Amino acid sequence: LEAQTFKHIDLAKPIGVADQVIKKVLSDMDATKRKRDLYQRIGESPVAALTQVLAANEADLESLRSLLPPEERGLMPEERRASLWTLPWVDDAVPGYVKECKRKKEQGWRDKLEAEAAAERARVAAEQQRLQREEDLARRREEEARQQEAKRQREEAARMEMEARRVEDVKRAQLMAARDREAAAARESQQREREQREREQRDREQRDREHREQLERQQREREQREAMAAQNQQQQQYLAAQKQHQQFEHNQKLQQHHEQTQQQQQHALIAAAQRLSQAPMQGAADHLHQPGTTLPPGVANLPGVAPSPSASGGPPSPSP
């Protein structure tokens, strides 16, 4: 079954073609299923199945008829009964219906004649338009022919003018070539004279340059001798200055040593005086160096008063 269903599907075709084939196969399968269901219902109960089919067709017919214009819908269900056409209104309606039919027929003939007349007018207008287009085309062709002739004449005049200009250009070029030859000969003569003058000038410049170079060599030698003499003098001055600086540094060191010796002697004298005066002031010093005792700013800066341990962070030193 699958081979029969999909045997006509070409896998090389685009996906859209395959989709259409699949849709067609599905619709065929649905139609086959609906036929099978109908035949099965008819086989089980023919009267009920046919009644159901007729009712569905009647509903479809009515829905389609409602979409048509009133004059094309045909007879309504109540108009299909014979009793409707035996009523008294039929005698009055038949002449009016016949009259309406005649009017519609005459109106149809008038519409047909008017349509024929309109068609004839349209044909005449189309013929007139065709003739007008032909006349316009003929005029355009004549105008194009005149324009082409005028263009040809202008081109011929331009060609003749260009030919005359070319002849004049040739004559002018020949004259200019002769002038150029004369000018070239004059330039060559001037060039030879200028080259002669340039050679003489170069010779003079060469001699002057050699003389200047000799003078410059002599000047450079003299400057080198002077520079060497100045360099020797600067070196002697530098050595003298260096010797003076060394002597000055030696004197400075001697003076600093002397000052340090004096300071050491003064410190030794002060330490001796402190040792002599340590016994009488030991009680006051102990009180000042107790933890938590803060000296006033003026007293702490007096000579001989050591800072408290809390302020300095070290052991108390004796006061003089």
Protein backbone atom coordinates (compact mmCIF):
# COMPACT_ATOMS: atom_id res chain seq x y z
CA LEU A 1 0.00 0.00 0.00
CA GLU A 2 2.79 2.42 0.87
CA ALA A 3 4.60 1.61 -2.38
CA GLN A 4 1.42 2.34 -4.38
CA THR A 5 0.76 5.58 -2.44
CA PHE A 6 4.24 7.16 -2.61
CA LYS A 7 5.57 5.62 -5.81
CA HIS A 8 4.91 8.82 -7.78
CA ILE A 9 6.82 11.06 -5.29
CA ASP A 10 10.16 12.24 -6.65
CA LEU A 11 12.54 12.91 -3.78
CA ALA A 12 14.69 15.12 -5.99
CA LYS A 13 11.86 17.68 -6.39
CA PRO A 14 11.54 20.69 -4.05
CA ILE A 15 9.77 20.40 -0.70
CA GLY A 16 6.77 22.43 -1.96
CA VAL A 17 6.01 19.88 -4.69
CA ALA A 18 6.26 17.05 -2.15
CA ASP A 19 3.83 18.90 0.15
CA GLN A 20 1.30 19.22 -2.69
CA VAL A 21 1.56 15.52 -3.46
CA ILE A 22 1.06 14.65 0.23
CA LYS A 23 -2.01 16.92 0.42
CA LYS A 24 -3.51 15.27 -2.68
CA VAL A 25 -2.92 11.81 -1.22
CA LEU A 26 -4.56 12.81 2.07
CA SER A 27 -7.59 14.29 0.26
CA ASP A 28 -7.97 11.08 -1.78
CA MET A 29 -7.81 9.02 1.40
CA ASP A 30 -10.47 11.22 3.05
CA ALA A 31 -12.79 10.93 0.01
CA THR A 32 -12.33 7.15 -0.01
CA LYS A 33 -13.16 6.99 3.71
CA ARG A 34 -16.33 9.07 3.25
CA LYS A 35 -17.48 6.82 0.38
CA ARG A 36 -16.84 3.72 2.47
CA ASP A 37 -18.84 5.21 5.40
CA LEU A 38 -21.76 6.09 3.03
CA TYR A 39 -21.84 2.62 1.49
CA GLN A 40 -21.69 1.06 4.94
CA ARG A 41 -24.70 3.15 6.13
CA ILE A 42 -26.65 2.29 2.96
CA GLY A 43 -25.91 -1.39 3.48
CA GLU A 44 -27.10 -1.24 7.10
CA SER A 45 -30.21 1.00 6.55
CA PRO A 46 -30.82 2.17 2.96
CA VAL A 47 -33.91 4.36 3.68
CA ALA A 48 -32.34 6.22 6.59
CA ALA A 49 -29.08 6.74 4.72
CA LEU A 50 -30.79 8.11 1.59
CA THR A 51 -33.05 10.36 3.68
CA GLN A 52 -30.02 11.76 5.45
CA VAL A 53 -28.23 12.35 2.13
CA LEU A 54 -31.29 14.10 0.61
CA ALA A 55 -31.70 16.30 3.69
CA ALA A 56 -28.02 17.32 3.51
CA ASN A 57 -28.34 18.05 -0.21
CA GLU A 58 -31.51 20.08 0.38
CA ALA A 59 -29.77 22.16 3.05
CA ASP A 60 -26.82 22.75 0.74
CA LEU A 61 -29.16 23.70 -2.12
CA GLU A 62 -31.03 26.20 0.03
CA SER A 63 -27.80 27.78 1.27
CA LEU A 64 -26.52 28.11 -2.30
CA ARG A 65 -29.88 29.46 -3.53
CA SER A 66 -29.82 32.18 -0.85
CA LEU A 67 -26.59 33.49 -2.34
CA LEU A 68 -28.18 34.06 -5.80
CA PRO A 69 -30.06 37.24 -6.85
CA PRO A 70 -33.87 37.13 -6.31
CA GLU A 71 -34.64 36.78 -10.02
CA GLU A 72 -32.34 33.74 -10.34
CA ARG A 73 -33.37 31.81 -7.24
CA GLY A 74 -36.30 30.06 -8.97
CA LEU A 75 -39.52 29.00 -7.23
CA MET A 76 -39.75 29.01 -3.50
CA PRO A 77 -41.14 25.91 -1.72
CA GLU A 78 -44.59 27.47 -1.30
CA GLU A 79 -44.64 28.46 -4.99
CA ARG A 80 -44.26 24.81 -6.01
CA ARG A 81 -47.80 23.93 -4.83
CA ALA A 82 -50.61 23.96 -7.46
CA SER A 83 -53.12 25.54 -5.06
CA LEU A 84 -51.15 28.78 -5.14
CA TRP A 85 -51.77 29.22 -8.87
CA THR A 86 -55.60 28.78 -8.68
CA LEU A 87 -56.18 31.80 -6.44
CA PRO A 88 -57.97 35.02 -7.73
CA TRP A 89 -54.76 37.06 -7.95
CA VAL A 90 -53.59 34.93 -10.91
CA ASP A 91 -56.12 36.63 -13.33
CA ASP A 92 -54.74 40.05 -12.40
CA ALA A 93 -51.08 39.00 -12.33
CA VAL A 94 -50.92 37.31 -15.77
CA PRO A 95 -51.55 40.52 -17.85
CA GLY A 96 -49.06 42.43 -15.74
CA TYR A 97 -46.52 39.61 -16.11
CA VAL A 98 -47.04 39.58 -19.91
CA LYS A 99 -46.69 43.35 -20.02
CA GLU A 100 -43.52 43.20 -17.92
CA CYS A 101 -42.13 40.52 -20.26
CA LYS A 102 -42.84 42.72 -23.29
CA ARG A 103 -41.23 45.70 -21.55
CA LYS A 104 -38.15 43.65 -20.69
CA LYS A 105 -37.97 42.37 -24.28
CA GLU A 106 -38.23 45.90 -25.70
CA GLN A 107 -35.70 47.10 -23.14
CA GLY A 108 -33.41 44.28 -24.24
CA TRP A 109 -33.75 45.32 -27.88
CA ARG A 110 -33.08 48.95 -26.96
CA ASP A 111 -30.06 47.93 -24.90
CA LYS A 112 -28.83 45.82 -27.79
CA LEU A 113 -29.25 48.70 -30.26
CA GLU A 114 -27.56 51.09 -27.86
CA ALA A 115 -24.72 48.58 -27.35
CA GLU A 116 -24.35 48.23 -31.14
CA ALA A 117 -24.38 52.00 -31.52
CA ALA A 118 -21.82 52.35 -28.73
CA ALA A 119 -19.71 49.66 -30.37
CA GLU A 120 -19.95 51.49 -33.70
CA ARG A 121 -19.01 54.77 -32.02
CA ALA A 122 -16.14 53.03 -30.31
CA ARG A 123 -15.05 51.51 -33.62
CA VAL A 124 -15.23 54.91 -35.34
CA ALA A 125 -13.30 56.50 -32.45
CA ALA A 126 -10.71 53.73 -32.61
CA GLU A 127 -10.43 54.22 -36.36
CA GLN A 128 -10.03 57.96 -35.87
CA GLN A 129 -7.40 57.33 -33.21
CA ARG A 130 -5.63 54.90 -35.54
CA LEU A 131 -5.65 57.48 -38.35
CA GLN A 132 -4.46 60.13 -35.90
CA ARG A 133 -1.66 57.87 -34.71
CA GLU A 134 -0.68 57.18 -38.33
CA GLU A 135 -0.66 60.92 -39.08
CA ASP A 136 1.37 61.57 -35.94
CA LEU A 137 3.75 58.78 -36.91
CA ALA A 138 4.10 60.21 -40.40
CA ARG A 139 4.77 63.68 -39.00
CA ARG A 140 7.30 62.27 -36.55
CA ARG A 141 9.01 60.41 -39.37
CA GLU A 142 9.12 63.56 -41.48
CA GLU A 143 10.46 65.52 -38.51
CA GLU A 144 13.06 62.83 -37.86
CA ALA A 145 14.03 62.86 -41.54
CA ARG A 146 14.42 66.67 -41.42
CA GLN A 147 16.42 66.41 -38.22
CA GLN A 148 18.64 63.72 -39.70
CA GLU A 149 19.20 65.83 -42.83
CA ALA A 150 20.01 68.87 -40.71
CA LYS A 151 22.30 66.71 -38.56
CA ARG A 152 24.02 65.36 -41.67
CA GLN A 153 24.49 68.90 -42.99
CA ARG A 154 25.88 70.03 -39.64
CA GLU A 155 28.21 67.05 -39.54
CA GLU A 156 29.36 67.78 -43.10
CA ALA A 157 29.98 71.42 -42.20
CA ALA A 158 31.81 70.37 -39.04
CA ARG A 159 33.89 67.88 -41.05
CA MET A 160 34.84 70.52 -43.60
CA GLU A 161 35.65 72.96 -40.82
CA MET A 162 37.75 70.32 -39.07
CA GLU A 163 39.55 69.60 -42.36
CA ALA A 164 40.30 73.29 -42.78
CA ARG A 165 41.50 73.50 -39.20
CA ARG A 166 43.65 70.42 -39.71
CA VAL A 167 45.30 72.03 -42.77
CA GLU A 168 45.88 75.20 -40.79
CA ASP A 169 47.25 73.16 -37.89
CA VAL A 170 49.64 71.35 -40.26
CA LYS A 171 50.88 74.65 -41.67
CA ARG A 172 51.20 76.11 -38.19
CA ALA A 173 53.01 72.98 -37.02
CA GLN A 174 55.46 73.18 -39.93
CA LEU A 175 56.10 76.86 -39.19
CA MET A 176 56.54 76.10 -35.50
CA ALA A 177 58.88 73.20 -36.33
CA ALA A 178 61.06 75.54 -38.41
CA ARG A 179 61.06 78.07 -35.58
CA ASP A 180 61.84 75.30 -33.13
CA ARG A 181 64.82 74.17 -35.24
CA GLU A 182 66.14 77.72 -35.34
CA ALA A 183 65.54 78.10 -31.60
CA ALA A 184 67.20 74.72 -30.97
CA ALA A 185 70.27 75.77 -32.97
CA ALA A 186 70.39 79.02 -31.01
CA ARG A 187 69.96 77.14 -27.75
CA GLU A 188 72.74 74.72 -28.69
CA SER A 189 75.06 77.64 -29.42
CA GLN A 190 74.10 79.28 -26.14
CA GLN A 191 74.48 75.93 -24.40
CA ARG A 192 78.01 75.51 -25.72
CA GLU A 193 78.91 79.04 -24.64
CA ARG A 194 77.33 78.47 -21.24
CA GLU A 195 79.18 75.17 -20.82
CA GLN A 196 82.46 76.92 -21.68
CA ARG A 197 81.74 79.62 -19.12
CA GLU A 198 80.73 76.97 -16.58
CA ARG A 199 83.96 75.03 -17.13
CA GLU A 200 85.97 78.19 -16.59
CA GLN A 201 83.87 79.01 -13.53
CA ARG A 202 84.37 75.48 -12.16
CA ASP A 203 88.11 75.76 -12.66
CA ARG A 204 88.18 79.07 -10.79
CA GLU A 205 85.98 77.62 -8.06
CA GLN A 206 88.22 74.55 -7.80
CA ARG A 207 91.29 76.72 -7.35
CA ASP A 208 89.49 78.91 -4.83
CA ARG A 209 88.24 75.85 -2.97
CA GLU A 210 91.70 74.33 -2.78
CA HIS A 211 93.07 77.64 -1.47
CA ARG A 212 90.25 77.85 1.12
CA GLU A 213 90.86 74.25 2.18
CA GLN A 214 94.53 74.97 2.70
CA LEU A 215 93.68 78.03 4.78
CA GLU A 216 91.11 76.02 6.75
CA ARG A 217 93.70 73.30 7.44
CA GLN A 218 96.12 75.86 8.73
CA GLN A 219 93.35 77.44 10.83
CA ARG A 220 92.31 74.06 12.25
CA GLU A 221 95.92 73.21 13.14
CA ARG A 222 96.30 76.57 14.86
CA GLU A 223 92.99 76.05 16.70
CA GLN A 224 94.03 72.54 17.74
CA ARG A 225 97.29 73.87 19.17
CA GLU A 226 95.43 76.60 21.02
CA ALA A 227 92.86 74.07 22.27
CA MET A 228 95.59 71.77 23.54
CA ALA A 229 97.27 74.70 25.32
CA ALA A 230 93.91 75.75 26.84
CA GLN A 231 93.21 72.15 27.84
CA ASN A 232 96.61 71.87 29.55
CA GLN A 233 95.96 75.16 31.34
CA GLN A 234 92.49 73.99 32.44
CA GLN A 235 93.97 70.71 33.66
CA GLN A 236 96.57 72.57 35.72
CA GLN A 237 93.85 74.84 37.15
CA TYR A 238 91.72 71.80 37.95
CA LEU A 239 94.60 70.09 39.74
CA ALA A 240 95.30 73.27 41.74
CA ALA A 241 91.61 73.61 42.64
CA GLN A 242 91.44 69.95 43.61
CA LYS A 243 94.49 70.38 45.82
CA GLN A 244 92.95 73.44 47.49
CA HIS A 245 89.68 71.51 48.02
CA GLN A 246 91.57 68.62 49.63
CA GLN A 247 93.42 71.06 51.90
CA PHE A 248 90.09 72.68 52.82
CA GLU A 249 88.51 69.31 53.63
CA HIS A 250 91.56 68.39 55.78
CA ASN A 251 91.21 71.64 57.72
CA GLN A 252 87.48 71.02 58.16
CA LYS A 253 88.12 67.54 59.53
CA LEU A 254 90.73 68.90 61.98
CA GLN A 255 88.29 71.57 63.17
CA GLN A 256 85.46 69.01 63.58
CA HIS A 257 87.80 66.72 65.56
CA HIS A 258 88.78 69.62 67.81
CA GLU A 259 85.12 70.53 68.40
CA GLN A 260 84.21 66.91 69.19
CA THR A 261 87.08 66.72 71.70
CA GLN A 262 85.84 69.89 73.43
CA GLN A 263 82.25 68.53 73.54
CA GLN A 264 83.46 65.27 75.07
CA GLN A 265 85.37 67.18 77.72
CA GLN A 266 82.28 69.30 78.52
CA HIS A 267 80.10 66.15 78.79
CA ALA A 268 82.64 64.58 81.13
CA LEU A 269 82.59 67.68 83.37
CA ILE A 270 78.76 67.72 83.40
CA ALA A 271 78.62 64.01 84.26
CA ALA A 272 81.03 64.55 87.14
CA ALA A 273 78.92 67.44 88.43
CA GLN A 274 75.81 65.28 88.20
CA ARG A 275 77.46 62.50 90.23
CA LEU A 276 78.44 65.00 92.93
CA SER A 277 74.91 66.44 93.22
CA GLN A 278 73.06 63.12 92.91
CA ALA A 279 72.76 62.37 96.68
CA PRO A 280 70.91 65.54 97.85
CA MET A 281 68.35 65.46 95.01
CA GLN A 282 67.68 61.73 94.90
CA GLY A 283 64.28 62.06 96.68
CA ALA A 284 62.96 64.71 94.33
CA ALA A 285 64.18 62.77 91.31
CA ASP A 286 62.42 59.63 92.54
CA HIS A 287 59.19 61.58 92.93
CA LEU A 288 59.45 63.06 89.45
CA HIS A 289 60.21 59.68 87.86
CA GLN A 290 57.31 57.84 89.43
CA PRO A 291 54.89 56.24 86.92
CA GLY A 292 51.98 58.51 86.05
CA THR A 293 53.80 61.75 87.02
CA THR A 294 53.76 64.29 84.17
CA LEU A 295 56.13 67.24 84.23
CA PRO A 296 54.92 70.70 83.24
CA PRO A 297 56.05 71.90 79.82
CA GLY A 298 58.37 74.58 81.30
CA VAL A 299 59.98 72.23 83.86
CA ALA A 300 60.56 69.36 81.41
CA ASN A 301 62.62 71.66 79.16
CA LEU A 302 64.94 72.92 81.97
CA PRO A 303 68.60 71.87 81.68
CA GLY A 304 69.50 68.95 83.88
CA VAL A 305 65.91 67.62 84.27
CA ALA A 306 65.48 64.23 82.66
CA PRO A 307 62.08 63.25 81.11
CA SER A 308 59.81 60.93 83.03
CA PRO A 309 59.71 57.21 82.10
CA SER A 310 56.10 57.56 80.91
CA ALA A 311 57.11 60.30 78.48
CA SER A 312 60.38 58.89 77.22
CA GLY A 313 59.69 55.16 77.51
CA GLY A 314 63.09 54.38 79.23
CA PRO A 315 64.57 54.25 82.74
CA PRO A 316 64.87 57.52 84.71
CA SER A 317 68.17 59.41 84.50
CA PRO A 318 69.58 61.29 87.48
CA SER A 319 69.02 65.05 87.67
CA PRO A 320 71.93 67.39 88.46
